[in-house]
Amino acid sequence: MAEPNQKPAEKKPAEKKPGVFARLKKYFRDTKSEVKKVAWPTKQQTINNTGVVIACIVVVGAFIGVLDAVFAFGLQALLKLL
């Protein structure tokens, strides 16, 4: 519980916030600085990574297709029994 004799906290003078255009200018300057720090992949790395992604898509797609066929066959067999 607060002491009744305590003084209220003193308010600090509000610092003036920069204008919207100054903040936008700082944002774009910082963004440009960060983009320069990015380690961009070479053309060959991009081609290799794209190949890996396509291969993974094909493998996962085939796996899901096989599972779908197995489950469809099992469901049809189950429905024929009923």
PDB file of N, CA and C in Angstrom:
ATOM      1  N   MET A   1       0.840  -1.172   0.000  1.00  0.00           N
ATOM      2  CA  MET A   1       0.000   0.000   0.000  1.00  0.00           C
ATOM      3  C   MET A   1       0.886   1.237   0.000  1.00  0.00           C
ATOM      4  N   ALA A   2       0.522   2.255  -0.707  1.00  0.00           N
ATOM      5  CA  ALA A   2       1.332   3.460  -0.838  1.00  0.00           C
ATOM      6  C   ALA A   2       1.258   4.269   0.452  1.00  0.00           C
ATOM      7  N   GLU A   3       2.373   4.892   0.769  1.00  0.00           N
ATOM      8  CA  GLU A   3       2.430   5.766   1.938  1.00  0.00           C
ATOM      9  C   GLU A   3       1.641   7.038   1.643  1.00  0.00           C
ATOM     10  N   PRO A   4       0.858   7.513   2.580  1.00  0.00           N
ATOM     11  CA  PRO A   4       0.082   8.731   2.327  1.00  0.00           C
ATOM     12  C   PRO A   4       0.957   9.978   2.224  1.00  0.00           C
ATOM     13  N   ASN A   5       2.179   9.964   2.770  1.00  0.00           N
ATOM     14  CA  ASN A   5       3.030  11.138   2.759  1.00  0.00           C
ATOM     15  C   ASN A   5       3.936  11.199   1.541  1.00  0.00           C
ATOM     16  N   GLN A   6       3.864  10.201   0.647  1.00  0.00           N
ATOM     17  CA  GLN A   6       4.734  10.188  -0.521  1.00  0.00           C
ATOM     18  C   GLN A   6       4.304  11.258  -1.511  1.00  0.00           C
ATOM     19  N   LYS A   7       5.306  11.865  -2.138  1.00  0.00           N
ATOM     20  CA  LYS A   7       5.026  12.866  -3.159  1.00  0.00           C
ATOM     21  C   LYS A   7       4.778  12.160  -4.488  1.00  0.00           C
ATOM     22  N   PRO A   8       3.895  12.677  -5.309  1.00  0.00           N
ATOM     23  CA  PRO A   8       3.703  12.055  -6.628  1.00  0.00           C
ATOM     24  C   PRO A   8       4.984  12.174  -7.440  1.00  0.00           C
ATOM     25  N   ALA A   9       5.186  11.207  -8.318  1.00  0.00           N
ATOM     26  CA  ALA A   9       6.394  11.194  -9.144  1.00  0.00           C
ATOM     27  C   ALA A   9       6.449  12.458  -9.984  1.00  0.00           C
ATOM     28  N   GLU A  10       7.634  13.034 -10.043  1.00  0.00           N
ATOM     29  CA  GLU A  10       7.797  14.250 -10.830  1.00  0.00           C
ATOM     30  C   GLU A  10       7.771  13.898 -12.303  1.00  0.00           C
ATOM     31  N   LYS A  11       7.099  14.702 -13.071  1.00  0.00           N
ATOM     32  CA  LYS A  11       7.018  14.466 -14.499  1.00  0.00           C
ATOM     33  C   LYS A  11       8.214  15.101 -15.181  1.00  0.00           C
ATOM     34  N   LYS A  12       8.846  14.345 -16.054  1.00  0.00           N
ATOM     35  CA  LYS A  12       9.949  14.877 -16.844  1.00  0.00           C
ATOM     36  C   LYS A  12       9.362  15.619 -18.026  1.00  0.00           C
ATOM     37  N   PRO A  13      10.024  16.637 -18.485  1.00  0.00           N
ATOM     38  CA  PRO A  13       9.495  17.331 -19.665  1.00  0.00           C
ATOM     39  C   PRO A  13       9.500  16.386 -20.859  1.00  0.00           C
ATOM     40  N   ALA A  14       8.419  16.375 -21.599  1.00  0.00           N
ATOM     41  CA  ALA A  14       8.277  15.474 -22.746  1.00  0.00           C
ATOM     42  C   ALA A  14       9.276  15.862 -23.837  1.00  0.00           C
ATOM     43  N   GLU A  15      10.004  14.858 -24.322  1.00  0.00           N
ATOM     44  CA  GLU A  15      10.929  15.113 -25.419  1.00  0.00           C
ATOM     45  C   GLU A  15      10.131  15.170 -26.714  1.00  0.00           C
ATOM     46  N   LYS A  16      10.490  16.111 -27.555  1.00  0.00           N
ATOM     47  CA  LYS A  16       9.749  16.275 -28.800  1.00  0.00           C
ATOM     48  C   LYS A  16      10.117  15.155 -29.766  1.00  0.00           C
ATOM     49  N   LYS A  17       9.110  14.477 -30.285  1.00  0.00           N
ATOM     50  CA  LYS A  17       9.294  13.379 -31.225  1.00  0.00           C
ATOM     51  C   LYS A  17       9.585  13.960 -32.610  1.00  0.00           C
ATOM     52  N   PRO A  18      10.527  13.337 -33.358  1.00  0.00           N
ATOM     53  CA  PRO A  18      10.790  13.848 -34.707  1.00  0.00           C
ATOM     54  C   PRO A  18       9.559  13.717 -35.593  1.00  0.00           C
ATOM     55  N   GLY A  19       9.490  14.554 -36.606  1.00  0.00           N
ATOM     56  CA  GLY A  19       8.347  14.559 -37.510  1.00  0.00           C
ATOM     57  C   GLY A  19       8.279  13.289 -38.345  1.00  0.00           C
ATOM     58  N   VAL A  20       7.159  13.114 -39.012  1.00  0.00           N
ATOM     59  CA  VAL A  20       6.913  11.906 -39.780  1.00  0.00           C
ATOM     60  C   VAL A  20       7.925  11.757 -40.917  1.00  0.00           C
ATOM     61  N   PHE A  21       8.286  12.859 -41.560  1.00  0.00           N
ATOM     62  CA  PHE A  21       9.226  12.762 -42.678  1.00  0.00           C
ATOM     63  C   PHE A  21      10.634  12.440 -42.188  1.00  0.00           C
ATOM     64  N   ALA A  22      11.004  12.959 -41.031  1.00  0.00           N
ATOM     65  CA  ALA A  22      12.319  12.642 -40.462  1.00  0.00           C
ATOM     66  C   ALA A  22      12.382  11.164 -40.086  1.00  0.00           C
ATOM     67  N   ARG A  23      11.286  10.639 -39.543  1.00  0.00           N
ATOM     68  CA  ARG A  23      11.257   9.212 -39.184  1.00  0.00           C
ATOM     69  C   ARG A  23      11.292   8.330 -40.428  1.00  0.00           C
ATOM     70  N   LEU A  24      10.571   8.737 -41.483  1.00  0.00           N
ATOM     71  CA  LEU A  24      10.606   7.972 -42.740  1.00  0.00           C
ATOM     72  C   LEU A  24      12.008   7.978 -43.340  1.00  0.00           C
ATOM     73  N   LYS A  25      12.646   9.132 -43.316  1.00  0.00           N
ATOM     74  CA  LYS A  25      14.002   9.241 -43.849  1.00  0.00           C
ATOM     75  C   LYS A  25      14.948   8.321 -43.083  1.00  0.00           C
ATOM     76  N   LYS A  26      14.835   8.302 -41.758  1.00  0.00           N
ATOM     77  CA  LYS A  26      15.677   7.419 -40.932  1.00  0.00           C
ATOM     78  C   LYS A  26      15.371   5.951 -41.230  1.00  0.00           C
ATOM     79  N   TYR A  27      14.089   5.620 -41.398  1.00  0.00           N
ATOM     80  CA  TYR A  27      13.698   4.241 -41.695  1.00  0.00           C
ATOM     81  C   TYR A  27      14.341   3.766 -42.997  1.00  0.00           C
ATOM     82  N   PHE A  28      14.233   4.567 -44.053  1.00  0.00           N
ATOM     83  CA  PHE A  28      14.784   4.163 -45.346  1.00  0.00           C
ATOM     84  C   PHE A  28      16.316   4.124 -45.309  1.00  0.00           C
ATOM     85  N   ARG A  29      16.930   5.023 -44.583  1.00  0.00           N
ATOM     86  CA  ARG A  29      18.387   5.012 -44.454  1.00  0.00           C
ATOM     87  C   ARG A  29      18.841   3.738 -43.728  1.00  0.00           C
ATOM     88  N   ASP A  30      18.140   3.380 -42.645  1.00  0.00           N
ATOM     89  CA  ASP A  30      18.474   2.156 -41.908  1.00  0.00           C
ATOM     90  C   ASP A  30      18.222   0.909 -42.748  1.00  0.00           C
ATOM     91  N   THR A  31      17.127   0.914 -43.518  1.00  0.00           N
ATOM     92  CA  THR A  31      16.818  -0.227 -44.382  1.00  0.00           C
ATOM     93  C   THR A  31      17.899  -0.417 -45.437  1.00  0.00           C
ATOM     94  N   LYS A  32      18.328   0.675 -46.054  1.00  0.00           N
ATOM     95  CA  LYS A  32      19.383   0.602 -47.064  1.00  0.00           C
ATOM     96  C   LYS A  32      20.674   0.056 -46.453  1.00  0.00           C
ATOM     97  N   SER A  33      20.969   0.492 -45.245  1.00  0.00           N
ATOM     98  CA  SER A  33      22.167   0.015 -44.552  1.00  0.00           C
ATOM     99  C   SER A  33      22.092  -1.494 -44.291  1.00  0.00           C
ATOM    100  N   GLU A  34      20.925  -1.980 -43.885  1.00  0.00           N
ATOM    101  CA  GLU A  34      20.769  -3.405 -43.593  1.00  0.00           C
ATOM    102  C   GLU A  34      20.836  -4.243 -44.867  1.00  0.00           C
ATOM    103  N   VAL A  35      20.272  -3.749 -45.962  1.00  0.00           N
ATOM    104  CA  VAL A  35      20.296  -4.497 -47.226  1.00  0.00           C
ATOM    105  C   VAL A  35      21.734  -4.651 -47.717  1.00  0.00           C
ATOM    106  N   LYS A  36      22.565  -3.668 -47.468  1.00  0.00           N
ATOM    107  CA  LYS A  36      23.966  -3.762 -47.878  1.00  0.00           C
ATOM    108  C   LYS A  36      24.706  -4.845 -47.100  1.00  0.00           C
ATOM    109  N   LYS A  37      24.225  -5.187 -45.903  1.00  0.00           N
ATOM    110  CA  LYS A  37      24.890  -6.194 -45.062  1.00  0.00           C
ATOM    111  C   LYS A  37      24.507  -7.628 -45.444  1.00  0.00           C
ATOM    112  N   VAL A  38      23.471  -7.795 -46.249  1.00  0.00           N
ATOM    113  CA  VAL A  38      22.986  -9.125 -46.604  1.00  0.00           C
ATOM    114  C   VAL A  38      24.021  -9.845 -47.469  1.00  0.00           C
ATOM    115  N   ALA A  39      24.258 -11.119 -47.157  1.00  0.00           N
ATOM    116  CA  ALA A  39      25.155 -11.943 -47.967  1.00  0.00           C
ATOM    117  C   ALA A  39      24.296 -12.630 -49.033  1.00  0.00           C
ATOM    118  N   TRP A  40      24.251 -12.051 -50.219  1.00  0.00           N
ATOM    119  CA  TRP A  40      23.417 -12.572 -51.290  1.00  0.00           C
ATOM    120  C   TRP A  40      24.056 -13.816 -51.890  1.00  0.00           C
ATOM    121  N   PRO A  41      23.248 -14.858 -52.217  1.00  0.00           N
ATOM    122  CA  PRO A  41      23.800 -16.080 -52.805  1.00  0.00           C
ATOM    123  C   PRO A  41      24.238 -15.836 -54.253  1.00  0.00           C
ATOM    124  N   THR A  42      25.190 -16.663 -54.678  1.00  0.00           N
ATOM    125  CA  THR A  42      25.633 -16.573 -56.064  1.00  0.00           C
ATOM    126  C   THR A  42      24.575 -17.220 -56.968  1.00  0.00           C
ATOM    127  N   LYS A  43      24.744 -17.046 -58.264  1.00  0.00           N
ATOM    128  CA  LYS A  43      23.802 -17.635 -59.219  1.00  0.00           C
ATOM    129  C   LYS A  43      23.815 -19.157 -59.091  1.00  0.00           C
ATOM    130  N   GLN A  44      25.006 -19.746 -58.931  1.00  0.00           N
ATOM    131  CA  GLN A  44      25.119 -21.199 -58.826  1.00  0.00           C
ATOM    132  C   GLN A  44      24.454 -21.713 -57.548  1.00  0.00           C
ATOM    133  N   GLN A  45      24.613 -20.998 -56.432  1.00  0.00           N
ATOM    134  CA  GLN A  45      23.959 -21.408 -55.183  1.00  0.00           C
ATOM    135  C   GLN A  45      22.439 -21.355 -55.326  1.00  0.00           C
ATOM    136  N   THR A  46      21.961 -20.333 -56.007  1.00  0.00           N
ATOM    137  CA  THR A  46      20.520 -20.199 -56.220  1.00  0.00           C
ATOM    138  C   THR A  46      19.984 -21.348 -57.069  1.00  0.00           C
ATOM    139  N   ILE A  47      20.716 -21.714 -58.122  1.00  0.00           N
ATOM    140  CA  ILE A  47      20.301 -22.830 -58.987  1.00  0.00           C
ATOM    141  C   ILE A  47      20.306 -24.135 -58.193  1.00  0.00           C
ATOM    142  N   ASN A  48      21.358 -24.371 -57.401  1.00  0.00           N
ATOM    143  CA  ASN A  48      21.438 -25.597 -56.594  1.00  0.00           C
ATOM    144  C   ASN A  48      20.299 -25.662 -55.571  1.00  0.00           C
ATOM    145  N   ASN A  49      20.057 -24.562 -54.882  1.00  0.00           N
ATOM    146  CA  ASN A  49      18.987 -24.546 -53.879  1.00  0.00           C
ATOM    147  C   ASN A  49      17.622 -24.748 -54.512  1.00  0.00           C
ATOM    148  N   THR A  50      17.408 -24.182 -55.693  1.00  0.00           N
ATOM    149  CA  THR A  50      16.147 -24.372 -56.402  1.00  0.00           C
ATOM    150  C   THR A  50      15.966 -25.841 -56.776  1.00  0.00           C
ATOM    151  N   GLY A  51      17.041 -26.480 -57.227  1.00  0.00           N
ATOM    152  CA  GLY A  51      16.982 -27.905 -57.561  1.00  0.00           C
ATOM    153  C   GLY A  51      16.628 -28.764 -56.354  1.00  0.00           C
ATOM    154  N   VAL A  52      17.217 -28.433 -55.203  1.00  0.00           N
ATOM    155  CA  VAL A  52      16.920 -29.184 -53.972  1.00  0.00           C
ATOM    156  C   VAL A  52      15.444 -29.018 -53.597  1.00  0.00           C
ATOM    157  N   VAL A  53      14.939 -27.809 -53.691  1.00  0.00           N
ATOM    158  CA  VAL A  53      13.532 -27.559 -53.350  1.00  0.00           C
ATOM    159  C   VAL A  53      12.609 -28.330 -54.292  1.00  0.00           C
ATOM    160  N   ILE A  54      12.881 -28.299 -55.585  1.00  0.00           N
ATOM    161  CA  ILE A  54      12.038 -29.020 -56.552  1.00  0.00           C
ATOM    162  C   ILE A  54      12.088 -30.526 -56.296  1.00  0.00           C
ATOM    163  N   ALA A  55      13.275 -31.055 -56.004  1.00  0.00           N
ATOM    164  CA  ALA A  55      13.401 -32.484 -55.710  1.00  0.00           C
ATOM    165  C   ALA A  55      12.597 -32.859 -54.464  1.00  0.00           C
ATOM    166  N   CYS A  56      12.658 -32.028 -53.437  1.00  0.00           N
ATOM    167  CA  CYS A  56      11.897 -32.303 -52.214  1.00  0.00           C
ATOM    168  C   CYS A  56      10.395 -32.269 -52.486  1.00  0.00           C
ATOM    169  N   ILE A  57       9.966 -31.333 -53.296  1.00  0.00           N
ATOM    170  CA  ILE A  57       8.535 -31.243 -53.640  1.00  0.00           C
ATOM    171  C   ILE A  57       8.084 -32.499 -54.365  1.00  0.00           C
ATOM    172  N   VAL A  58       8.899 -32.986 -55.295  1.00  0.00           N
ATOM    173  CA  VAL A  58       8.550 -34.192 -56.048  1.00  0.00           C
ATOM    174  C   VAL A  58       8.481 -35.403 -55.116  1.00  0.00           C
ATOM    175  N   VAL A  59       9.463 -35.548 -54.235  1.00  0.00           N
ATOM    176  CA  VAL A  59       9.490 -36.699 -53.321  1.00  0.00           C
ATOM    177  C   VAL A  59       8.296 -36.664 -52.377  1.00  0.00           C
ATOM    178  N   VAL A  60       8.034 -35.519 -51.765  1.00  0.00           N
ATOM    179  CA  VAL A  60       6.908 -35.415 -50.831  1.00  0.00           C
ATOM    180  C   VAL A  60       5.591 -35.600 -51.574  1.00  0.00           C
ATOM    181  N   GLY A  61       5.474 -35.052 -52.782  1.00  0.00           N
ATOM    182  CA  GLY A  61       4.253 -35.229 -53.569  1.00  0.00           C
ATOM    183  C   GLY A  61       4.005 -36.685 -53.897  1.00  0.00           C
ATOM    184  N   ALA A  62       5.065 -37.406 -54.278  1.00  0.00           N
ATOM    185  CA  ALA A  62       4.920 -38.834 -54.580  1.00  0.00           C
ATOM    186  C   ALA A  62       4.514 -39.614 -53.331  1.00  0.00           C
ATOM    187  N   PHE A  63       5.113 -39.287 -52.196  1.00  0.00           N
ATOM    188  CA  PHE A  63       4.789 -39.958 -50.941  1.00  0.00           C
ATOM    189  C   PHE A  63       3.320 -39.738 -50.575  1.00  0.00           C
ATOM    190  N   ILE A  64       2.862 -38.507 -50.684  1.00  0.00           N
ATOM    191  CA  ILE A  64       1.457 -38.207 -50.369  1.00  0.00           C
ATOM    192  C   ILE A  64       0.529 -38.899 -51.375  1.00  0.00           C
ATOM    193  N   GLY A  65       0.923 -38.958 -52.654  1.00  0.00           N
ATOM    194  CA  GLY A  65       0.115 -39.647 -53.656  1.00  0.00           C
ATOM    195  C   GLY A  65      -0.020 -41.126 -53.365  1.00  0.00           C
ATOM    196  N   VAL A  66       1.077 -41.755 -52.954  1.00  0.00           N
ATOM    197  CA  VAL A  66       1.034 -43.188 -52.614  1.00  0.00           C
ATOM    198  C   VAL A  66       0.145 -43.408 -51.396  1.00  0.00           C
ATOM    199  N   LEU A  67       0.309 -42.569 -50.371  1.00  0.00           N
ATOM    200  CA  LEU A  67      -0.544 -42.709 -49.185  1.00  0.00           C
ATOM    201  C   LEU A  67      -2.014 -42.527 -49.543  1.00  0.00           C
ATOM    202  N   ASP A  68      -2.309 -41.570 -50.397  1.00  0.00           N
ATOM    203  CA  ASP A  68      -3.687 -41.331 -50.814  1.00  0.00           C
ATOM    204  C   ASP A  68      -4.249 -42.561 -51.521  1.00  0.00           C
ATOM    205  N   ALA A  69      -3.468 -43.163 -52.406  1.00  0.00           N
ATOM    206  CA  ALA A  69      -3.929 -44.351 -53.129  1.00  0.00           C
ATOM    207  C   ALA A  69      -4.162 -45.514 -52.170  1.00  0.00           C
ATOM    208  N   VAL A  70      -3.252 -45.693 -51.220  1.00  0.00           N
ATOM    209  CA  VAL A  70      -3.395 -46.784 -50.241  1.00  0.00           C
ATOM    210  C   VAL A  70      -4.644 -46.581 -49.390  1.00  0.00           C
ATOM    211  N   PHE A  71      -4.840 -45.359 -48.891  1.00  0.00           N
ATOM    212  CA  PHE A  71      -6.010 -45.101 -48.058  1.00  0.00           C
ATOM    213  C   PHE A  71      -7.308 -45.216 -48.864  1.00  0.00           C
ATOM    214  N   ALA A  72      -7.304 -44.779 -50.121  1.00  0.00           N
ATOM    215  CA  ALA A  72      -8.492 -44.893 -50.960  1.00  0.00           C
ATOM    216  C   ALA A  72      -8.826 -46.361 -51.204  1.00  0.00           C
ATOM    217  N   PHE A  73      -7.797 -47.164 -51.494  1.00  0.00           N
ATOM    218  CA  PHE A  73      -8.016 -48.600 -51.697  1.00  0.00           C
ATOM    219  C   PHE A  73      -8.553 -49.234 -50.420  1.00  0.00           C
ATOM    220  N   GLY A  74      -7.977 -48.871 -49.279  1.00  0.00           N
ATOM    221  CA  GLY A  74      -8.438 -49.432 -47.999  1.00  0.00           C
ATOM    222  C   GLY A  74      -9.858 -49.029 -47.683  1.00  0.00           C
ATOM    223  N   LEU A  75     -10.214 -47.788 -47.961  1.00  0.00           N
ATOM    224  CA  LEU A  75     -11.573 -47.322 -47.692  1.00  0.00           C
ATOM    225  C   LEU A  75     -12.576 -48.017 -48.608  1.00  0.00           C
ATOM    226  N   GLN A  76     -12.221 -48.207 -49.892  1.00  0.00           N
ATOM    227  CA  GLN A  76     -13.124 -48.908 -50.803  1.00  0.00           C
ATOM    228  C   GLN A  76     -13.310 -50.346 -50.362  1.00  0.00           C
ATOM    229  N   ALA A  77     -12.239 -50.998 -49.933  1.00  0.00           N
ATOM    230  CA  ALA A  77     -12.340 -52.372 -49.458  1.00  0.00           C
ATOM    231  C   ALA A  77     -13.208 -52.449 -48.214  1.00  0.00           C
ATOM    232  N   LEU A  78     -13.076 -51.484 -47.322  1.00  0.00           N
ATOM    233  CA  LEU A  78     -13.869 -51.455 -46.094  1.00  0.00           C
ATOM    234  C   LEU A  78     -15.353 -51.230 -46.407  1.00  0.00           C
ATOM    235  N   LEU A  79     -15.629 -50.337 -47.369  1.00  0.00           N
ATOM    236  CA  LEU A  79     -17.020 -50.057 -47.721  1.00  0.00           C
ATOM    237  C   LEU A  79     -17.675 -51.235 -48.417  1.00  0.00           C
ATOM    238  N   LYS A  80     -16.916 -52.047 -49.163  1.00  0.00           N
ATOM    239  CA  LYS A  80     -17.485 -53.225 -49.824  1.00  0.00           C
ATOM    240  C   LYS A  80     -17.875 -54.287 -48.797  1.00  0.00           C
ATOM    241  N   LEU A  81     -17.167 -54.314 -47.664  1.00  0.00           N
ATOM    242  CA  LEU A  81     -17.503 -55.281 -46.627  1.00  0.00           C
ATOM    243  C   LEU A  81     -18.828 -54.932 -45.947  1.00  0.00           C
ATOM    244  N   LEU A  82     -19.165 -53.645 -45.910  1.00  0.00           N
ATOM    245  CA  LEU A  82     -20.405 -53.226 -45.244  1.00  0.00           C
ATOM    246  C   LEU A  82     -21.552 -53.326 -46.134  1.00  0.00           C
TER     247      LEU A  82
END
